PDB file of N, CA and C in Angstrom:
ATOM      1  N   MET A   1      18.632  50.256  63.937  1.00  0.00           N
ATOM      2  CA  MET A   1      17.900  49.720  62.820  1.00  0.00           C
ATOM      3  C   MET A   1      18.764  48.720  62.052  1.00  0.00           C
ATOM      4  N   VAL A   2      19.997  49.114  61.776  1.00  0.00           N
ATOM      5  CA  VAL A   2      20.883  48.249  61.009  1.00  0.00           C
ATOM      6  C   VAL A   2      21.208  46.981  61.795  1.00  0.00           C
ATOM      7  N   GLU A   3      21.516  47.134  63.062  1.00  0.00           N
ATOM      8  CA  GLU A   3      21.836  45.966  63.895  1.00  0.00           C
ATOM      9  C   GLU A   3      20.658  45.011  63.974  1.00  0.00           C
ATOM     10  N   GLN A   4      19.455  45.551  64.089  1.00  0.00           N
ATOM     11  CA  GLN A   4      18.268  44.705  64.153  1.00  0.00           C
ATOM     12  C   GLN A   4      18.069  43.949  62.842  1.00  0.00           C
ATOM     13  N   TRP A   5      18.306  44.627  61.718  1.00  0.00           N
ATOM     14  CA  TRP A   5      18.187  43.976  60.416  1.00  0.00           C
ATOM     15  C   TRP A   5      19.161  42.806  60.310  1.00  0.00           C
ATOM     16  N   VAL A   6      20.420  43.069  60.652  1.00  0.00           N
ATOM     17  CA  VAL A   6      21.441  42.017  60.552  1.00  0.00           C
ATOM     18  C   VAL A   6      21.109  40.874  61.509  1.00  0.00           C
ATOM     19  N   LYS A   7      20.633  41.198  62.681  1.00  0.00           N
ATOM     20  CA  LYS A   7      20.249  40.164  63.651  1.00  0.00           C
ATOM     21  C   LYS A   7      19.117  39.299  63.101  1.00  0.00           C
ATOM     22  N   THR A   8      18.167  39.926  62.433  1.00  0.00           N
ATOM     23  CA  THR A   8      17.000  39.213  61.915  1.00  0.00           C
ATOM     24  C   THR A   8      17.307  38.452  60.623  1.00  0.00           C
ATOM     25  N   TYR A   9      18.010  39.100  59.687  1.00  0.00           N
ATOM     26  CA  TYR A   9      18.186  38.525  58.350  1.00  0.00           C
ATOM     27  C   TYR A   9      19.613  38.062  58.039  1.00  0.00           C
ATOM     28  N   GLY A  10      20.560  38.410  58.879  1.00  0.00           N
ATOM     29  CA  GLY A  10      21.905  37.891  58.723  1.00  0.00           C
ATOM     30  C   GLY A  10      22.863  38.706  57.877  1.00  0.00           C
ATOM     31  N   ARG A  11      22.358  39.501  56.945  1.00  0.00           N
ATOM     32  CA  ARG A  11      23.247  40.278  56.079  1.00  0.00           C
ATOM     33  C   ARG A  11      22.471  41.413  55.415  1.00  0.00           C
ATOM     34  N   ILE A  12      23.219  42.333  54.846  1.00  0.00           N
ATOM     35  CA  ILE A  12      22.637  43.437  54.074  1.00  0.00           C
ATOM     36  C   ILE A  12      23.350  43.467  52.739  1.00  0.00           C
ATOM     37  N   ASP A  13      22.652  43.107  51.688  1.00  0.00           N
ATOM     38  CA  ASP A  13      23.245  43.101  50.351  1.00  0.00           C
ATOM     39  C   ASP A  13      23.025  44.410  49.612  1.00  0.00           C
ATOM     40  N   ILE A  14      21.888  45.063  49.870  1.00  0.00           N
ATOM     41  CA  ILE A  14      21.534  46.271  49.138  1.00  0.00           C
ATOM     42  C   ILE A  14      21.044  47.333  50.118  1.00  0.00           C
ATOM     43  N   LEU A  15      21.555  48.534  49.948  1.00  0.00           N
ATOM     44  CA  LEU A  15      21.038  49.707  50.656  1.00  0.00           C
ATOM     45  C   LEU A  15      20.531  50.664  49.592  1.00  0.00           C
ATOM     46  N   HIS A  16      19.270  51.017  49.683  1.00  0.00           N
ATOM     47  CA  HIS A  16      18.681  51.971  48.738  1.00  0.00           C
ATOM     48  C   HIS A  16      18.286  53.218  49.515  1.00  0.00           C
ATOM     49  N   ASN A  17      19.030  54.294  49.316  1.00  0.00           N
ATOM     50  CA  ASN A  17      18.745  55.575  49.963  1.00  0.00           C
ATOM     51  C   ASN A  17      17.785  56.362  49.086  1.00  0.00           C
ATOM     52  N   ASN A  18      16.551  56.461  49.522  1.00  0.00           N
ATOM     53  CA  ASN A  18      15.536  57.177  48.746  1.00  0.00           C
ATOM     54  C   ASN A  18      14.739  58.047  49.710  1.00  0.00           C
ATOM     55  N   VAL A  19      15.296  59.180  50.034  1.00  0.00           N
ATOM     56  CA  VAL A  19      14.649  60.074  50.976  1.00  0.00           C
ATOM     57  C   VAL A  19      14.924  61.505  50.549  1.00  0.00           C
ATOM     58  N   GLY A  20      14.000  62.364  50.834  1.00  0.00           N
ATOM     59  CA  GLY A  20      14.229  63.769  50.529  1.00  0.00           C
ATOM     60  C   GLY A  20      12.957  64.567  50.634  1.00  0.00           C
ATOM     61  N   ILE A  21      13.115  65.772  51.114  1.00  0.00           N
ATOM     62  CA  ILE A  21      11.985  66.688  51.180  1.00  0.00           C
ATOM     63  C   ILE A  21      12.352  67.963  50.436  1.00  0.00           C
ATOM     64  N   VAL A  22      11.343  68.673  50.014  1.00  0.00           N
ATOM     65  CA  VAL A  22      11.512  69.957  49.352  1.00  0.00           C
ATOM     66  C   VAL A  22      10.780  71.000  50.177  1.00  0.00           C
ATOM     67  N   VAL A  23      11.483  72.055  50.510  1.00  0.00           N
ATOM     68  CA  VAL A  23      10.865  73.204  51.159  1.00  0.00           C
ATOM     69  C   VAL A  23      11.154  74.402  50.266  1.00  0.00           C
ATOM     70  N   LEU A  24      10.109  74.965  49.711  1.00  0.00           N
ATOM     71  CA  LEU A  24      10.303  76.114  48.826  1.00  0.00           C
ATOM     72  C   LEU A  24      10.825  77.302  49.614  1.00  0.00           C
ATOM     73  N   GLY A  25      11.743  78.031  49.005  1.00  0.00           N
ATOM     74  CA  GLY A  25      12.264  79.226  49.637  1.00  0.00           C
ATOM     75  C   GLY A  25      13.636  79.572  49.105  1.00  0.00           C
ATOM     76  N   GLU A  26      13.810  80.857  48.844  1.00  0.00           N
ATOM     77  CA  GLU A  26      15.120  81.349  48.452  1.00  0.00           C
ATOM     78  C   GLU A  26      15.984  81.481  49.696  1.00  0.00           C
ATOM     79  N   LEU A  27      17.257  81.719  49.512  1.00  0.00           N
ATOM     80  CA  LEU A  27      18.198  81.747  50.618  1.00  0.00           C
ATOM     81  C   LEU A  27      17.784  82.717  51.727  1.00  0.00           C
ATOM     82  N   VAL A  28      17.475  83.937  51.385  1.00  0.00           N
ATOM     83  CA  VAL A  28      17.197  84.968  52.388  1.00  0.00           C
ATOM     84  C   VAL A  28      15.930  84.665  53.181  1.00  0.00           C
ATOM     85  N   GLU A  29      14.971  84.026  52.585  1.00  0.00           N
ATOM     86  CA  GLU A  29      13.714  83.747  53.286  1.00  0.00           C
ATOM     87  C   GLU A  29      13.691  82.403  54.008  1.00  0.00           C
ATOM     88  N   THR A  30      14.763  81.628  53.898  1.00  0.00           N
ATOM     89  CA  THR A  30      14.826  80.310  54.537  1.00  0.00           C
ATOM     90  C   THR A  30      15.322  80.456  55.969  1.00  0.00           C
ATOM     91  N   SER A  31      14.565  79.908  56.905  1.00  0.00           N
ATOM     92  CA  SER A  31      14.968  79.975  58.314  1.00  0.00           C
ATOM     93  C   SER A  31      16.072  78.966  58.609  1.00  0.00           C
ATOM     94  N   GLU A  32      16.791  79.217  59.677  1.00  0.00           N
ATOM     95  CA  GLU A  32      17.840  78.280  60.086  1.00  0.00           C
ATOM     96  C   GLU A  32      17.246  76.936  60.471  1.00  0.00           C
ATOM     97  N   GLU A  33      16.070  76.942  61.072  1.00  0.00           N
ATOM     98  CA  GLU A  33      15.397  75.690  61.440  1.00  0.00           C
ATOM     99  C   GLU A  33      15.046  74.871  60.201  1.00  0.00           C
ATOM    100  N   THR A  34      14.548  75.534  59.172  1.00  0.00           N
ATOM    101  CA  THR A  34      14.238  74.841  57.923  1.00  0.00           C
ATOM    102  C   THR A  34      15.513  74.284  57.299  1.00  0.00           C
ATOM    103  N   TRP A  35      16.561  75.084  57.281  1.00  0.00           N
ATOM    104  CA  TRP A  35      17.852  74.644  56.741  1.00  0.00           C
ATOM    105  C   TRP A  35      18.306  73.369  57.438  1.00  0.00           C
ATOM    106  N   ASP A  36      18.325  73.398  58.774  1.00  0.00           N
ATOM    107  CA  ASP A  36      18.789  72.243  59.547  1.00  0.00           C
ATOM    108  C   ASP A  36      17.919  71.016  59.312  1.00  0.00           C
ATOM    109  N   ARG A  37      16.615  71.207  59.229  1.00  0.00           N
ATOM    110  CA  ARG A  37      15.695  70.085  59.008  1.00  0.00           C
ATOM    111  C   ARG A  37      15.941  69.410  57.662  1.00  0.00           C
ATOM    112  N   VAL A  38      16.074  70.208  56.609  1.00  0.00           N
ATOM    113  CA  VAL A  38      16.290  69.641  55.273  1.00  0.00           C
ATOM    114  C   VAL A  38      17.662  68.978  55.194  1.00  0.00           C
ATOM    115  N   MET A  39      18.679  69.588  55.799  1.00  0.00           N
ATOM    116  CA  MET A  39      20.017  68.967  55.801  1.00  0.00           C
ATOM    117  C   MET A  39      19.969  67.611  56.514  1.00  0.00           C
ATOM    118  N   ALA A  40      19.253  67.551  57.626  1.00  0.00           N
ATOM    119  CA  ALA A  40      19.171  66.300  58.397  1.00  0.00           C
ATOM    120  C   ALA A  40      18.435  65.216  57.620  1.00  0.00           C
ATOM    121  N   ILE A  41      17.330  65.569  56.998  1.00  0.00           N
ATOM    122  CA  ILE A  41      16.534  64.571  56.283  1.00  0.00           C
ATOM    123  C   ILE A  41      17.195  64.167  54.965  1.00  0.00           C
ATOM    124  N   ASN A  42      17.595  65.135  54.171  1.00  0.00           N
ATOM    125  CA  ASN A  42      18.081  64.835  52.822  1.00  0.00           C
ATOM    126  C   ASN A  42      19.513  64.323  52.783  1.00  0.00           C
ATOM    127  N   LEU A  43      20.349  64.778  53.689  1.00  0.00           N
ATOM    128  CA  LEU A  43      21.773  64.460  53.595  1.00  0.00           C
ATOM    129  C   LEU A  43      22.288  63.630  54.768  1.00  0.00           C
ATOM    130  N   LYS A  44      22.005  64.077  55.969  1.00  0.00           N
ATOM    131  CA  LYS A  44      22.530  63.360  57.135  1.00  0.00           C
ATOM    132  C   LYS A  44      21.964  61.953  57.251  1.00  0.00           C
ATOM    133  N   SER A  45      20.708  61.777  56.888  1.00  0.00           N
ATOM    134  CA  SER A  45      20.114  60.439  56.977  1.00  0.00           C
ATOM    135  C   SER A  45      20.846  59.444  56.084  1.00  0.00           C
ATOM    136  N   MET A  46      21.238  59.867  54.885  1.00  0.00           N
ATOM    137  CA  MET A  46      21.984  58.983  53.992  1.00  0.00           C
ATOM    138  C   MET A  46      23.389  58.722  54.526  1.00  0.00           C
ATOM    139  N   PHE A  47      24.006  59.749  55.083  1.00  0.00           N
ATOM    140  CA  PHE A  47      25.316  59.576  55.714  1.00  0.00           C
ATOM    141  C   PHE A  47      25.238  58.509  56.803  1.00  0.00           C
ATOM    142  N   LEU A  48      24.233  58.613  57.655  1.00  0.00           N
ATOM    143  CA  LEU A  48      24.126  57.680  58.782  1.00  0.00           C
ATOM    144  C   LEU A  48      23.827  56.253  58.334  1.00  0.00           C
ATOM    145  N   THR A  49      22.940  56.082  57.356  1.00  0.00           N
ATOM    146  CA  THR A  49      22.662  54.712  56.912  1.00  0.00           C
ATOM    147  C   THR A  49      23.900  54.090  56.287  1.00  0.00           C
ATOM    148  N   CYS A  50      24.611  54.841  55.472  1.00  0.00           N
ATOM    149  CA  CYS A  50      25.844  54.303  54.860  1.00  0.00           C
ATOM    150  C   CYS A  50      26.893  54.015  55.923  1.00  0.00           C
ATOM    151  N   LYS A  51      27.042  54.909  56.868  1.00  0.00           N
ATOM    152  CA  LYS A  51      28.030  54.743  57.941  1.00  0.00           C
ATOM    153  C   LYS A  51      27.826  53.440  58.701  1.00  0.00           C
ATOM    154  N   HIS A  52      26.575  53.063  58.911  1.00  0.00           N
ATOM    155  CA  HIS A  52      26.293  51.872  59.707  1.00  0.00           C
ATOM    156  C   HIS A  52      26.116  50.601  58.878  1.00  0.00           C
ATOM    157  N   VAL A  53      25.839  50.739  57.588  1.00  0.00           N
ATOM    158  CA  VAL A  53      25.673  49.567  56.722  1.00  0.00           C
ATOM    159  C   VAL A  53      27.007  49.103  56.131  1.00  0.00           C
ATOM    160  N   ILE A  54      27.862  50.035  55.755  1.00  0.00           N
ATOM    161  CA  ILE A  54      29.115  49.676  55.088  1.00  0.00           C
ATOM    162  C   ILE A  54      29.963  48.691  55.895  1.00  0.00           C
ATOM    163  N   PRO A  55      30.105  48.848  57.203  1.00  0.00           N
ATOM    164  CA  PRO A  55      30.903  47.841  57.923  1.00  0.00           C
ATOM    165  C   PRO A  55      30.358  46.421  57.782  1.00  0.00           C
ATOM    166  N   HIS A  56      29.052  46.262  57.714  1.00  0.00           N
ATOM    167  CA  HIS A  56      28.461  44.929  57.519  1.00  0.00           C
ATOM    168  C   HIS A  56      28.744  44.422  56.113  1.00  0.00           C
ATOM    169  N   MET A  57      28.656  45.325  55.128  1.00  0.00           N
ATOM    170  CA  MET A  57      28.971  44.930  53.756  1.00  0.00           C
ATOM    171  C   MET A  57      30.434  44.516  53.632  1.00  0.00           C
ATOM    172  N   GLU A  58      31.306  45.223  54.314  1.00  0.00           N
ATOM    173  CA  GLU A  58      32.723  44.858  54.288  1.00  0.00           C
ATOM    174  C   GLU A  58      32.938  43.458  54.872  1.00  0.00           C
ATOM    175  N   LYS A  59      32.312  43.175  56.000  1.00  0.00           N
ATOM    176  CA  LYS A  59      32.465  41.867  56.662  1.00  0.00           C
ATOM    177  C   LYS A  59      31.962  40.726  55.794  1.00  0.00           C
ATOM    178  N   GLN A  60      30.883  40.963  55.048  1.00  0.00           N
ATOM    179  CA  GLN A  60      30.294  39.887  54.249  1.00  0.00           C
ATOM    180  C   GLN A  60      30.887  39.811  52.852  1.00  0.00           C
ATOM    181  N   GLY A  61      31.793  40.717  52.501  1.00  0.00           N
ATOM    182  CA  GLY A  61      32.477  40.638  51.219  1.00  0.00           C
ATOM    183  C   GLY A  61      31.911  41.494  50.117  1.00  0.00           C
ATOM    184  N   GLY A  62      30.987  42.406  50.430  1.00  0.00           N
ATOM    185  CA  GLY A  62      30.496  43.330  49.410  1.00  0.00           C
ATOM    186  C   GLY A  62      29.040  43.671  49.554  1.00  0.00           C
ATOM    187  N   GLY A  63      28.590  44.514  48.647  1.00  0.00           N
ATOM    188  CA  GLY A  63      27.204  44.952  48.634  1.00  0.00           C
ATOM    189  C   GLY A  63      27.025  46.082  47.636  1.00  0.00           C
ATOM    190  N   VAL A  64      25.801  46.578  47.562  1.00  0.00           N
ATOM    191  CA  VAL A  64      25.450  47.640  46.619  1.00  0.00           C
ATOM    192  C   VAL A  64      24.699  48.737  47.354  1.00  0.00           C
ATOM    193  N   ILE A  65      25.101  49.977  47.087  1.00  0.00           N
ATOM    194  CA  ILE A  65      24.405  51.142  47.630  1.00  0.00           C
ATOM    195  C   ILE A  65      23.909  51.967  46.457  1.00  0.00           C
ATOM    196  N   THR A  66      22.623  52.220  46.427  1.00  0.00           N
ATOM    197  CA  THR A  66      22.024  53.076  45.414  1.00  0.00           C
ATOM    198  C   THR A  66      21.356  54.245  46.115  1.00  0.00           C
ATOM    199  N   SER A  67      21.694  55.449  45.690  1.00  0.00           N
ATOM    200  CA  SER A  67      21.123  56.641  46.304  1.00  0.00           C
ATOM    201  C   SER A  67      20.402  57.469  45.250  1.00  0.00           C
ATOM    202  N   ILE A  68      19.296  58.057  45.663  1.00  0.00           N
ATOM    203  CA  ILE A  68      18.533  58.928  44.780  1.00  0.00           C
ATOM    204  C   ILE A  68      18.891  60.370  45.104  1.00  0.00           C
ATOM    205  N   SER A  69      19.352  61.084  44.108  1.00  0.00           N
ATOM    206  CA  SER A  69      19.629  62.509  44.247  1.00  0.00           C
ATOM    207  C   SER A  69      18.585  63.250  43.415  1.00  0.00           C
ATOM    208  N   SER A  70      19.017  64.069  42.497  1.00  0.00           N
ATOM    209  CA  SER A  70      18.100  64.831  41.651  1.00  0.00           C
ATOM    210  C   SER A  70      18.904  65.520  40.562  1.00  0.00           C
ATOM    211  N   ILE A  71      18.235  65.845  39.473  1.00  0.00           N
ATOM    212  CA  ILE A  71      18.868  66.654  38.433  1.00  0.00           C
ATOM    213  C   ILE A  71      19.307  67.993  39.020  1.00  0.00           C
ATOM    214  N   ALA A  72      18.670  68.390  40.137  1.00  0.00           N
ATOM    215  CA  ALA A  72      19.043  69.629  40.832  1.00  0.00           C
ATOM    216  C   ALA A  72      20.460  69.569  41.395  1.00  0.00           C
ATOM    217  N   ALA A  73      21.064  68.393  41.408  1.00  0.00           N
ATOM    218  CA  ALA A  73      22.456  68.262  41.849  1.00  0.00           C
ATOM    219  C   ALA A  73      23.415  68.873  40.838  1.00  0.00           C
ATOM    220  N   ILE A  74      22.984  68.966  39.582  1.00  0.00           N
ATOM    221  CA  ILE A  74      23.897  69.434  38.532  1.00  0.00           C
ATOM    222  C   ILE A  74      23.368  70.612  37.718  1.00  0.00           C
ATOM    223  N   ARG A  75      22.105  70.993  37.952  1.00  0.00           N
ATOM    224  CA  ARG A  75      21.599  72.157  37.210  1.00  0.00           C
ATOM    225  C   ARG A  75      20.437  72.812  37.936  1.00  0.00           C
ATOM    226  N   TYR A  76      20.274  74.076  37.653  1.00  0.00           N
ATOM    227  CA  TYR A  76      19.170  74.857  38.225  1.00  0.00           C
ATOM    228  C   TYR A  76      17.883  74.486  37.501  1.00  0.00           C
ATOM    229  N   THR A  77      16.842  74.192  38.250  1.00  0.00           N
ATOM    230  CA  THR A  77      15.579  73.769  37.641  1.00  0.00           C
ATOM    231  C   THR A  77      14.545  74.892  37.569  1.00  0.00           C
ATOM    232  N   GLY A  78      14.906  76.062  38.051  1.00  0.00           N
ATOM    233  CA  GLY A  78      13.986  77.193  37.990  1.00  0.00           C
ATOM    234  C   GLY A  78      13.067  77.316  39.188  1.00  0.00           C
ATOM    235  N   LEU A  79      13.223  76.456  40.155  1.00  0.00           N
ATOM    236  CA  LEU A  79      12.369  76.493  41.345  1.00  0.00           C
ATOM    237  C   LEU A  79      13.145  77.050  42.536  1.00  0.00           C
ATOM    238  N   PRO A  80      12.485  77.813  43.397  1.00  0.00           N
ATOM    239  CA  PRO A  80      13.192  78.437  44.521  1.00  0.00           C
ATOM    240  C   PRO A  80      13.287  77.522  45.745  1.00  0.00           C
ATOM    241  N   TYR A  81      14.261  76.620  45.737  1.00  0.00           N
ATOM    242  CA  TYR A  81      14.479  75.807  46.930  1.00  0.00           C
ATOM    243  C   TYR A  81      15.974  75.631  47.187  1.00  0.00           C
ATOM    244  N   ILE A  82      16.528  76.580  47.899  1.00  0.00           N
ATOM    245  CA  ILE A  82      17.966  76.621  48.162  1.00  0.00           C
ATOM    246  C   ILE A  82      18.444  75.398  48.941  1.00  0.00           C
ATOM    247  N   THR A  83      17.646  74.920  49.862  1.00  0.00           N
ATOM    248  CA  THR A  83      18.079  73.768  50.661  1.00  0.00           C
ATOM    249  C   THR A  83      18.189  72.508  49.799  1.00  0.00           C
ATOM    250  N   TYR A  84      17.276  72.341  48.876  1.00  0.00           N
ATOM    251  CA  TYR A  84      17.299  71.188  47.974  1.00  0.00           C
ATOM    252  C   TYR A  84      18.539  71.247  47.080  1.00  0.00           C
ATOM    253  N   TYR A  85      18.823  72.453  46.532  1.00  0.00           N
ATOM    254  CA  TYR A  85      19.992  72.629  45.674  1.00  0.00           C
ATOM    255  C   TYR A  85      21.294  72.423  46.436  1.00  0.00           C
ATOM    256  N   THR A  86      21.255  72.515  47.731  1.00  0.00           N
ATOM    257  CA  THR A  86      22.449  72.294  48.535  1.00  0.00           C
ATOM    258  C   THR A  86      22.624  70.821  48.888  1.00  0.00           C
ATOM    259  N   THR A  87      21.534  70.124  49.187  1.00  0.00           N
ATOM    260  CA  THR A  87      21.665  68.729  49.619  1.00  0.00           C
ATOM    261  C   THR A  87      21.870  67.752  48.472  1.00  0.00           C
ATOM    262  N   LYS A  88      21.253  67.984  47.352  1.00  0.00           N
ATOM    263  CA  LYS A  88      21.327  67.002  46.274  1.00  0.00           C
ATOM    264  C   LYS A  88      22.734  66.843  45.685  1.00  0.00           C
ATOM    265  N   PRO A  89      23.521  67.910  45.511  1.00  0.00           N
ATOM    266  CA  PRO A  89      24.919  67.690  45.123  1.00  0.00           C
ATOM    267  C   PRO A  89      25.707  66.973  46.221  1.00  0.00           C
ATOM    268  N   GLY A  90      25.327  67.182  47.475  1.00  0.00           N
ATOM    269  CA  GLY A  90      25.979  66.474  48.573  1.00  0.00           C
ATOM    270  C   GLY A  90      25.773  64.979  48.480  1.00  0.00           C
ATOM    271  N   ILE A  91      24.591  64.568  48.085  1.00  0.00           N
ATOM    272  CA  ILE A  91      24.303  63.135  47.905  1.00  0.00           C
ATOM    273  C   ILE A  91      25.146  62.573  46.766  1.00  0.00           C
ATOM    274  N   LEU A  92      25.244  63.325  45.702  1.00  0.00           N
ATOM    275  CA  LEU A  92      26.064  62.896  44.566  1.00  0.00           C
ATOM    276  C   LEU A  92      27.531  62.762  44.984  1.00  0.00           C
ATOM    277  N   GLY A  93      28.042  63.744  45.705  1.00  0.00           N
ATOM    278  CA  GLY A  93      29.425  63.694  46.167  1.00  0.00           C
ATOM    279  C   GLY A  93      29.670  62.559  47.145  1.00  0.00           C
ATOM    280  N   GLN A  94      28.735  62.350  48.047  1.00  0.00           N
ATOM    281  CA  GLN A  94      28.863  61.250  49.001  1.00  0.00           C
ATOM    282  C   GLN A  94      28.911  59.919  48.260  1.00  0.00           C
ATOM    283  N   THR A  95      28.053  59.757  47.279  1.00  0.00           N
ATOM    284  CA  THR A  95      28.003  58.507  46.518  1.00  0.00           C
ATOM    285  C   THR A  95      29.291  58.282  45.737  1.00  0.00           C
ATOM    286  N   GLN A  96      29.802  59.328  45.100  1.00  0.00           N
ATOM    287  CA  GLN A  96      31.065  59.193  44.363  1.00  0.00           C
ATOM    288  C   GLN A  96      32.200  58.809  45.301  1.00  0.00           C
ATOM    289  N   SER A  97      32.233  59.426  46.454  1.00  0.00           N
ATOM    290  CA  SER A  97      33.275  59.127  47.438  1.00  0.00           C
ATOM    291  C   SER A  97      33.208  57.678  47.897  1.00  0.00           C
ATOM    292  N   ILE A  98      32.012  57.208  48.215  1.00  0.00           N
ATOM    293  CA  ILE A  98      31.836  55.815  48.631  1.00  0.00           C
ATOM    294  C   ILE A  98      32.240  54.868  47.504  1.00  0.00           C
ATOM    295  N   ALA A  99      31.808  55.178  46.287  1.00  0.00           N
ATOM    296  CA  ALA A  99      32.119  54.316  45.140  1.00  0.00           C
ATOM    297  C   ALA A  99      33.628  54.154  44.971  1.00  0.00           C
ATOM    298  N   LEU A 100      34.358  55.230  45.084  1.00  0.00           N
ATOM    299  CA  LEU A 100      35.805  55.175  44.871  1.00  0.00           C
ATOM    300  C   LEU A 100      36.553  54.609  46.071  1.00  0.00           C
ATOM    301  N   GLN A 101      36.103  54.908  47.258  1.00  0.00           N
ATOM    302  CA  GLN A 101      36.819  54.461  48.451  1.00  0.00           C
ATOM    303  C   GLN A 101      36.551  53.000  48.810  1.00  0.00           C
ATOM    304  N   TYR A 102      35.407  52.473  48.395  1.00  0.00           N
ATOM    305  CA  TYR A 102      35.046  51.117  48.802  1.00  0.00           C
ATOM    306  C   TYR A 102      34.983  50.119  47.656  1.00  0.00           C
ATOM    307  N   ALA A 103      35.301  50.533  46.449  1.00  0.00           N
ATOM    308  CA  ALA A 103      35.256  49.623  45.297  1.00  0.00           C
ATOM    309  C   ALA A 103      36.174  48.427  45.506  1.00  0.00           C
ATOM    310  N   HIS A 104      37.336  48.651  46.072  1.00  0.00           N
ATOM    311  CA  HIS A 104      38.281  47.547  46.276  1.00  0.00           C
ATOM    312  C   HIS A 104      37.792  46.565  47.347  1.00  0.00           C
ATOM    313  N   ARG A 105      36.729  46.917  48.042  1.00  0.00           N
ATOM    314  CA  ARG A 105      36.127  46.020  49.037  1.00  0.00           C
ATOM    315  C   ARG A 105      34.832  45.401  48.507  1.00  0.00           C
ATOM    316  N   ASN A 106      34.649  45.513  47.190  1.00  0.00           N
ATOM    317  CA  ASN A 106      33.495  44.928  46.503  1.00  0.00           C
ATOM    318  C   ASN A 106      32.169  45.573  46.915  1.00  0.00           C
ATOM    319  N   ILE A 107      32.224  46.864  47.236  1.00  0.00           N
ATOM    320  CA  ILE A 107      30.999  47.628  47.528  1.00  0.00           C
ATOM    321  C   ILE A 107      30.826  48.621  46.392  1.00  0.00           C
ATOM    322  N   ARG A 108      29.723  48.469  45.669  1.00  0.00           N
ATOM    323  CA  ARG A 108      29.393  49.388  44.572  1.00  0.00           C
ATOM    324  C   ARG A 108      28.455  50.457  45.078  1.00  0.00           C
ATOM    325  N   ALA A 109      28.621  51.667  44.583  1.00  0.00           N
ATOM    326  CA  ALA A 109      27.714  52.763  44.931  1.00  0.00           C
ATOM    327  C   ALA A 109      27.380  53.542  43.667  1.00  0.00           C
ATOM    328  N   ASN A 110      26.099  53.770  43.469  1.00  0.00           N
ATOM    329  CA  ASN A 110      25.621  54.515  42.312  1.00  0.00           C
ATOM    330  C   ASN A 110      24.569  55.514  42.751  1.00  0.00           C
ATOM    331  N   CYS A 111      24.455  56.576  41.970  1.00  0.00           N
ATOM    332  CA  CYS A 111      23.498  57.638  42.281  1.00  0.00           C
ATOM    333  C   CYS A 111      22.609  57.880  41.069  1.00  0.00           C
ATOM    334  N   ILE A 112      21.329  57.978  41.297  1.00  0.00           N
ATOM    335  CA  ILE A 112      20.351  58.242  40.243  1.00  0.00           C
ATOM    336  C   ILE A 112      19.888  59.685  40.387  1.00  0.00           C
ATOM    337  N   LEU A 113      19.844  60.416  39.267  1.00  0.00           N
ATOM    338  CA  LEU A 113      19.456  61.821  39.276  1.00  0.00           C
ATOM    339  C   LEU A 113      18.202  62.028  38.429  1.00  0.00           C
ATOM    340  N   PRO A 114      17.025  61.731  38.986  1.00  0.00           N
ATOM    341  CA  PRO A 114      15.813  61.942  38.202  1.00  0.00           C
ATOM    342  C   PRO A 114      15.572  63.433  37.953  1.00  0.00           C
ATOM    343  N   GLY A 115      14.886  63.704  36.859  1.00  0.00           N
ATOM    344  CA  GLY A 115      14.532  65.087  36.525  1.00  0.00           C
ATOM    345  C   GLY A 115      13.156  65.429  37.055  1.00  0.00           C
ATOM    346  N   LEU A 116      12.704  66.606  36.696  1.00  0.00           N
ATOM    347  CA  LEU A 116      11.361  67.026  37.086  1.00  0.00           C
ATOM    348  C   LEU A 116      10.336  66.153  36.392  1.00  0.00           C
ATOM    349  N   MET A 117       9.277  65.860  37.096  1.00  0.00           N
ATOM    350  CA  MET A 117       8.256  64.986  36.550  1.00  0.00           C
ATOM    351  C   MET A 117       6.898  65.670  36.619  1.00  0.00           C
ATOM    352  N   GLN A 118       6.135  65.490  35.587  1.00  0.00           N
ATOM    353  CA  GLN A 118       4.779  66.013  35.555  1.00  0.00           C
ATOM    354  C   GLN A 118       3.866  64.935  36.130  1.00  0.00           C
ATOM    355  N   PRO A 119       3.206  65.197  37.251  1.00  0.00           N
ATOM    356  CA  PRO A 119       2.320  64.161  37.812  1.00  0.00           C
ATOM    357  C   PRO A 119       1.130  63.928  36.890  1.00  0.00           C
ATOM    358  N   PRO A 120       0.594  62.719  36.928  1.00  0.00           N
ATOM    359  CA  PRO A 120      -0.572  62.436  36.072  1.00  0.00           C
ATOM    360  C   PRO A 120      -1.785  63.246  36.514  1.00  0.00           C
ATOM    361  N   VAL A 121      -2.612  63.554  35.548  1.00  0.00           N
ATOM    362  CA  VAL A 121      -3.828  64.314  35.825  1.00  0.00           C
ATOM    363  C   VAL A 121      -4.983  63.316  35.882  1.00  0.00           C
ATOM    364  N   TYR A 122      -5.711  63.329  36.974  1.00  0.00           N
ATOM    365  CA  TYR A 122      -6.847  62.438  37.126  1.00  0.00           C
ATOM    366  C   TYR A 122      -8.129  63.221  36.989  1.00  0.00           C
ATOM    367  N   CYS A 123      -9.084  62.628  36.308  1.00  0.00           N
ATOM    368  CA  CYS A 123     -10.378  63.292  36.104  1.00  0.00           C
ATOM    369  C   CYS A 123     -11.366  62.879  37.157  1.00  0.00           C
TER     370      CYS A 123
END
C-alpha cells in the first residue's frame, strides 16, 4: 500500500492512524481469538503503517504522524473491554516513542485521546 502510494503521488507528508474496534468483555470471558483480533486491528496495524511510512518520510526530509488513541489509554471508563484498555495505551506509547526517536529527522508524531461521546439522538 505504501509503495503504491509513493509510486503514484511521489511522497507521504501525513500519516493519520485512525483505526480501532471495541469488543466488550472482561478478561476472563475474552477468547484468545478475540484478543489476537483486537491486538492486530488496534495496535499492529498502526505499527505496520508507521514502520513502512517512516523510511519514506526520512528520505524526503520529514513528515507528520497523527494517531488516534482514547481516553481509555489513561483512565478506566467504566466499560468492560479489556482488549481496548490494553491497546490504547500501546498506541500512546508507540506515538511517544516515534515522537522522541524521530524528532531529529523532522518527523513529528502526536496522539489524540478522545473521550466517550454521546451519539446524537434522531427522531
